[in-house]
Protein backbone atom coordinates (compact mmCIF):
# COMPACT_ATOMS: atom_id res chain seq x y z
CA MET A 1 16.68 12.68 -0.22
CA THR A 2 13.91 10.43 1.07
CA PHE A 3 10.34 10.52 -0.19
CA SER A 4 9.16 11.89 3.18
CA ALA A 5 11.74 14.70 3.03
CA ARG A 6 10.67 15.67 -0.51
CA LEU A 7 7.04 15.51 0.56
CA LYS A 8 7.69 17.76 3.57
CA ASP A 9 9.62 20.23 1.40
CA GLU A 10 6.60 20.46 -0.89
CA ILE A 11 4.15 20.88 2.00
CA ALA A 12 6.39 23.55 3.55
CA ALA A 13 6.07 25.60 0.35
CA ILE A 14 2.25 25.69 0.40
CA LYS A 15 0.80 29.15 0.96
CA VAL A 16 -1.73 29.48 3.78
CA ASN A 17 -3.79 32.27 5.36
CA THR A 18 -3.36 33.58 8.91
CA ILE A 19 -5.86 31.21 10.50
CA GLU A 20 -4.38 28.18 8.76
CA ALA A 21 -0.86 29.27 9.73
CA ARG A 22 -1.89 29.61 13.38
CA ILE A 23 -3.41 26.11 13.54
CA GLU A 24 -0.49 24.59 11.66
CA LEU A 25 1.97 26.31 14.01
CA TYR A 26 -0.02 25.07 16.99
CA ALA A 27 0.36 21.47 15.78
CA LEU A 28 4.06 21.91 15.00
CA LEU A 29 4.90 23.35 18.41
CA ARG A 30 2.58 21.00 20.30
CA PHE A 31 4.14 17.87 18.82
CA ASP A 32 7.74 18.96 18.27
CA GLY A 33 8.30 22.00 20.48
CA LYS A 34 9.84 22.37 23.92
CA PHE A 35 8.20 24.85 26.30
CA ASP A 36 10.11 26.37 29.21
CA LYS A 37 8.98 29.19 31.45
CA ASN A 38 10.60 31.96 29.42
CA LYS A 39 11.52 30.16 26.21
CA ILE A 40 10.06 28.07 23.41
CA SER A 41 12.44 26.01 21.27
CA ILE A 42 12.07 23.57 18.44
CA THR A 43 14.81 21.39 16.92
CA LEU A 44 14.56 20.34 13.28
CA GLU A 45 16.52 18.55 10.59
CA ASN A 46 14.55 19.95 7.67
CA ALA A 47 15.52 23.47 6.56
CA SER A 48 12.21 24.00 4.72
CA ILE A 49 10.17 23.31 7.86
CA ALA A 50 12.47 25.54 9.92
CA ARG A 51 11.93 28.40 7.44
CA ARG A 52 8.16 27.83 7.51
CA ILE A 53 7.97 27.94 11.31
CA TYR A 54 10.19 31.04 11.35
CA LYS A 55 7.90 32.71 8.80
CA HIS A 56 4.70 31.80 10.67
CA ILE A 57 6.00 33.10 14.02
CA LYS A 58 7.39 36.27 12.45
CA GLU A 59 4.14 37.08 10.66
CA LEU A 60 1.80 36.11 13.52
CA PHE A 61 3.70 37.68 16.45
CA ASN A 62 6.22 40.10 14.92
CA ILE A 63 9.11 39.00 17.12
CA ASN A 64 12.78 38.16 16.66
CA ILE A 65 13.64 34.46 16.60
CA LYS A 66 17.06 33.10 17.41
CA VAL A 67 18.25 30.57 14.83
CA ILE A 68 21.08 28.17 15.70
CA VAL A 69 22.58 25.88 13.05
CA ARG A 70 24.68 22.95 14.15
CA ASN A 71 26.49 20.24 12.18
CA GLN A 72 25.85 16.73 13.44
CA LYS A 73 28.49 14.15 12.55
CA ARG A 74 26.85 10.85 13.33
CA PHE A 75 27.38 8.41 10.42
CA ARG A 76 26.91 11.32 8.03
CA ILE A 77 27.16 15.09 8.32
CA LYS A 78 23.82 16.85 8.54
CA GLN A 79 22.64 20.22 9.75
CA ILE A 80 20.37 20.67 12.76
CA TYR A 81 18.27 23.82 13.04
CA ILE A 82 17.24 25.12 16.47
CA LEU A 83 14.68 27.93 16.68
CA GLU A 84 14.51 29.73 20.03
CA ILE A 85 11.74 32.16 21.00
CA ASN A 86 12.52 34.40 23.96
CA GLU A 87 9.96 37.16 23.38
CA LYS A 88 6.22 37.22 24.09
CA VAL A 89 6.39 33.63 25.29
CA GLU A 90 3.21 33.85 27.38
CA LEU A 91 1.35 35.61 24.57
CA ILE A 92 2.36 32.87 22.13
CA LYS A 93 1.35 30.12 24.55
CA LYS A 94 -2.01 31.76 25.11
CA SER A 95 -2.56 32.43 21.41
CA LEU A 96 -1.73 28.84 20.49
CA ASP A 97 -3.86 27.34 23.25
CA ILE A 98 -6.26 25.82 20.73
CA LYS A 99 -8.55 23.12 22.07
CA SER A 100 -8.86 20.05 19.86
CA ASN A 101 -12.64 20.39 19.77
CA TYR A 102 -12.18 23.87 18.25
CA ILE A 103 -10.72 22.29 15.13
CA GLU A 104 -14.00 21.61 13.37
CA THR A 105 -13.92 22.91 9.80
CA LYS A 106 -12.32 20.95 6.99
CA GLU A 107 -9.73 23.70 6.47
CA ASP A 108 -8.82 23.69 10.19
CA MET A 109 -8.41 19.93 10.26
CA ILE A 110 -6.24 19.95 7.13
CA SER A 111 -4.02 22.68 8.62
CA PHE A 112 -3.70 20.69 11.84
CA LEU A 113 -2.81 17.49 9.97
CA ARG A 114 -0.31 19.41 7.85
CA GLY A 115 1.44 20.69 10.97
CA ALA A 116 1.29 17.27 12.64
CA PHE A 117 2.80 15.60 9.60
CA LEU A 118 5.62 18.16 9.32
CA ALA A 119 6.40 17.60 13.00
CA THR A 120 6.03 13.84 13.42
CA GLY A 121 4.92 12.21 10.15
CA SER A 122 6.59 10.04 7.56
CA ILE A 123 5.63 7.95 4.53
CA SER A 124 7.73 5.09 3.24
CA ASP A 125 8.98 5.42 -0.33
CA PRO A 126 6.55 3.36 -2.43
CA SER A 127 9.32 2.43 -4.87
CA THR A 128 11.47 0.69 -2.26
CA SER A 129 9.08 -0.79 0.31
CA GLY A 130 5.46 -1.41 1.19
CA TYR A 131 2.90 1.32 1.76
CA HIS A 132 3.09 2.88 5.21
CA LEU A 133 2.17 6.28 6.66
CA GLU A 134 2.74 7.09 10.31
CA PHE A 135 2.63 9.86 12.91
CA VAL A 136 4.68 9.22 16.07
CA PHE A 137 3.84 10.88 19.42
CA HIS A 138 5.12 10.87 22.98
CA ARG A 139 1.61 11.10 24.47
CA ILE A 140 -1.41 8.89 23.83
CA ASN A 141 -3.75 11.91 23.86
CA ASP A 142 -1.86 13.47 20.95
CA ALA A 143 -2.16 10.23 19.00
CA ARG A 144 -5.90 10.11 19.70
CA ILE A 145 -6.41 13.67 18.44
CA VAL A 146 -4.73 12.94 15.09
CA ASP A 147 -6.45 9.55 14.84
CA ASP A 148 -9.82 11.21 15.45
CA ILE A 149 -9.24 13.81 12.73
CA LEU A 150 -8.15 11.14 10.25
CA LYS A 151 -11.29 9.16 11.04
CA ARG A 152 -13.42 12.27 10.42
CA PHE A 153 -12.06 12.11 6.87
CA ARG A 154 -13.02 8.40 6.85
CA PHE A 155 -9.46 7.09 6.90
CA ASP A 156 -8.94 3.67 8.47
CA SER A 157 -6.16 4.79 10.81
CA LYS A 158 -5.03 2.79 13.84
CA ILE A 159 -3.02 3.51 17.00
CA LEU A 160 -0.14 1.25 18.03
CA LYS A 161 2.10 1.57 21.08
CA ARG A 162 5.77 1.18 20.14
CA SER A 163 8.25 1.25 23.03
CA ASN A 164 7.42 4.44 24.92
CA ARG A 165 5.74 6.15 21.97
CA TYR A 166 2.40 5.98 20.18
CA MET A 167 2.09 5.57 16.44
CA VAL A 168 -0.93 6.47 14.33
CA TYR A 169 -0.60 4.62 11.04
CA ILE A 170 -2.32 3.86 7.74
CA LYS A 171 -1.40 0.89 5.53
CA SER A 172 -3.78 1.25 2.59
CA ALA A 173 -2.02 2.61 -0.52
CA GLU A 174 -5.22 4.26 -1.72
CA GLU A 175 -5.79 6.00 1.63
CA ILE A 176 -2.16 7.15 1.84
CA SER A 177 -2.59 8.65 -1.62
CA ASP A 178 -5.71 10.46 -0.39
CA VAL A 179 -3.81 11.80 2.65
CA ILE A 180 -1.07 13.21 0.41
CA LYS A 181 -3.77 14.83 -1.73
CA LEU A 182 -5.47 16.21 1.39
CA LEU A 183 -2.20 17.79 2.53
CA GLY A 184 -1.92 19.53 -0.85
CA ALA A 185 1.32 17.95 -2.09
CA ILE A 186 0.34 17.43 -5.73
CA ASN A 187 3.80 16.61 -7.13
CA SER A 188 4.36 14.00 -4.44
CA LEU A 189 0.89 12.65 -5.14
CA PHE A 190 1.74 12.17 -8.83
CA TYR A 191 4.98 10.39 -7.92
CA PHE A 192 3.21 8.15 -5.41
CA GLU A 193 0.41 7.31 -7.86
CA ASP A 194 2.84 6.57 -10.71
CA ILE A 195 4.72 4.10 -8.52
CA ARG A 196 1.48 2.61 -7.17
CA ILE A 197 0.06 2.08 -10.68
CA TYR A 198 3.34 0.52 -11.83
CA ARG A 199 3.49 -1.82 -8.83
CA ASP A 200 -0.18 -2.77 -9.12
CA HIS A 201 0.31 -3.54 -12.83
CA LYS A 202 3.46 -5.56 -12.10
CA ASN A 203 1.67 -7.50 -9.35
CA MET A 204 -1.26 -8.18 -11.68
CA VAL A 205 1.08 -9.48 -14.40
CA ASN A 206 2.84 -11.68 -11.84
CA ARG A 207 -0.48 -13.04 -10.63
CA LEU A 208 -1.55 -13.80 -14.20
CA ASN A 209 1.77 -15.49 -14.91
CA ASN A 210 1.46 -17.52 -11.73
CA CYS A 211 -2.09 -18.52 -12.69
CA GLU A 212 -0.92 -19.50 -16.16
CA ILE A 213 1.93 -21.58 -14.76
CA ALA A 214 -0.42 -23.21 -12.27
CA ASN A 215 -2.91 -23.99 -15.03
CA GLN A 216 -0.16 -25.46 -17.19
CA GLU A 217 1.04 -27.64 -14.33
CA LYS A 218 -2.54 -28.68 -13.62
CA SER A 219 -3.12 -29.55 -17.32
CA LEU A 220 0.12 -31.58 -17.42
CA THR A 221 -0.74 -33.48 -14.24
CA THR A 222 -4.28 -34.17 -15.47
CA GLY A 223 -3.05 -35.21 -18.92
CA MET A 224 -0.46 -37.66 -17.58
CA ARG A 225 -3.02 -39.22 -15.25
CA GLN A 226 -5.42 -39.67 -18.18
CA VAL A 227 -2.62 -41.26 -20.25
CA GLU A 228 -2.23 -43.79 -17.42
CA TYR A 229 -5.99 -44.52 -17.57
CA ILE A 230 -5.86 -45.01 -21.36
CA ASN A 231 -2.85 -47.32 -21.14
CA TYR A 232 -4.65 -49.31 -18.45
CA LEU A 233 -7.63 -49.76 -20.78
CA LYS A 234 -5.30 -50.87 -23.59
CA ASP A 235 -3.36 -53.29 -21.40
CA ASN A 236 -6.60 -54.87 -20.24
CA ASP A 237 -8.34 -54.97 -23.65
CA LEU A 238 -11.04 -52.56 -22.51
CA MET A 239 -10.86 -49.95 -25.28
CA SER A 240 -13.72 -51.70 -27.12
CA LEU A 241 -16.02 -50.62 -24.30
CA LEU A 242 -15.65 -47.00 -25.38
CA ASP A 243 -17.73 -45.52 -28.20
CA ASP A 244 -16.03 -44.11 -31.32
CA ASN A 245 -15.95 -40.58 -29.95
CA GLY A 246 -14.35 -41.76 -26.71
CA LYS A 247 -11.68 -43.63 -28.69
CA ILE A 248 -10.89 -40.45 -30.68
CA VAL A 249 -10.48 -38.40 -27.49
CA CYS A 250 -8.17 -41.06 -26.03
CA GLU A 251 -6.13 -41.22 -29.23
CA TYR A 252 -5.53 -37.47 -29.20
CA ARG A 253 -4.79 -37.41 -25.49
CA LEU A 254 -1.93 -39.85 -26.13
CA LYS A 255 -0.66 -37.54 -28.90
CA PHE A 256 -1.01 -34.35 -26.81
CA PRO A 257 -0.63 -35.25 -23.11
CA GLU A 258 0.20 -31.66 -22.07
CA SER A 259 -2.76 -29.97 -23.76
CA SER A 260 -5.63 -28.46 -21.79
CA TYR A 261 -9.22 -29.57 -22.42
CA SER A 262 -9.84 -26.46 -24.56
CA GLU A 263 -6.71 -27.05 -26.66
CA LEU A 264 -7.49 -30.76 -27.07
CA ALA A 265 -11.07 -30.00 -28.14
CA GLU A 266 -9.83 -27.51 -30.73
CA ILE A 267 -7.30 -29.98 -32.18
CA ILE A 268 -9.86 -32.80 -32.41
CA SER A 269 -12.43 -30.50 -34.05
CA LEU A 270 -9.90 -29.32 -36.62
CA GLU A 271 -8.39 -32.70 -37.50
CA THR A 272 -11.44 -34.98 -37.37
CA SER A 273 -15.13 -34.93 -38.21
CA TYR A 274 -15.91 -35.04 -34.47
CA LYS A 275 -16.84 -31.52 -33.33
CA ILE A 276 -16.32 -31.36 -29.59
CA GLY A 277 -15.97 -28.70 -26.92
CA LYS A 278 -14.18 -28.48 -23.58
CA SER A 279 -17.09 -30.01 -21.67
CA GLY A 280 -17.30 -32.86 -24.18
CA VAL A 281 -13.64 -33.74 -23.63
CA ASN A 282 -14.17 -33.66 -19.88
CA HIS A 283 -17.29 -35.89 -20.21
CA ASN A 284 -15.36 -38.52 -22.18
CA PHE A 285 -12.54 -38.63 -19.65
CA ILE A 286 -15.05 -39.07 -16.83
CA LYS A 287 -16.27 -42.17 -18.69
CA VAL A 288 -12.67 -43.40 -19.03
CA LYS A 289 -11.97 -42.85 -15.34
CA ASN A 290 -15.19 -44.59 -14.26
CA LEU A 291 -14.46 -47.53 -16.53
CA VAL A 292 -10.94 -47.93 -15.10
CA ASN A 293 -12.18 -47.67 -11.49
CA LYS A 294 -15.00 -50.16 -12.14
CA HIS A 295 -12.58 -52.69 -13.62
CA LYS A 296 -10.12 -52.27 -10.75
CA ASN A 297 -12.87 -52.81 -8.20
CA MET A 298 -14.07 -55.95 -9.96
CA ALA A 299 -10.49 -57.29 -10.04
CA LYS A 300 -10.09 -57.05 -6.27
């Protein structure tokens, strides 16, 4: 079972009052229902959502609902649930004729988003891919309504046209986590957060390791270049131009060409009477470099 399917199963089990059920049902039928003159039908793959819609309609309108279950054999066998409403169709249409500007309270907006997500939403599994939440609609106006509600909760949602449909999506892991929390799916929230924390920690460790490797490579490159400078001074009898401290630093660089400035300073301070820090090592090598460059320029 996918993460989205488990999430929808959890949302479908949330208890709501009559007003919340009505708004949620409005969103479900608006985005996933088919309205004919004397019939309303909705086709679903999720049994939990089918039961929830059946329950809402039964409790709100006290009517019989025809339930058709079909087995689809495309790649894998799965059940399709078709709910058909043939009674009080006009009453249901009128009762569910909720204008988007009527959805004002926080509870109303959450109920609407819950219904919209059950009908058209999905979230990628954080353990197998990147972070992505989306709602997919046939009409741009539907996408704008959901986008507007998400923005009222200060989510950075965006609308993208994909083929002949419109997608409202969120990419931020933190915001997706907040959406799951808003919908009331606490178990799915814990799962999502556990994976997010693990991935963030893993990425941080990888970044630190990459930084460490880069620093080691940088220290090695710098050290080998300084060895070349020191050998140049030796080959050209220029070492006498350095003071005693500079000669010590050069001596230890030849012994430890891969060491960083901090490591070299610590070794010199421990093994000699010359107490030096990282900046002192750097200062001495600047003198070495300048001396080499000056001699090369004079030799031209």
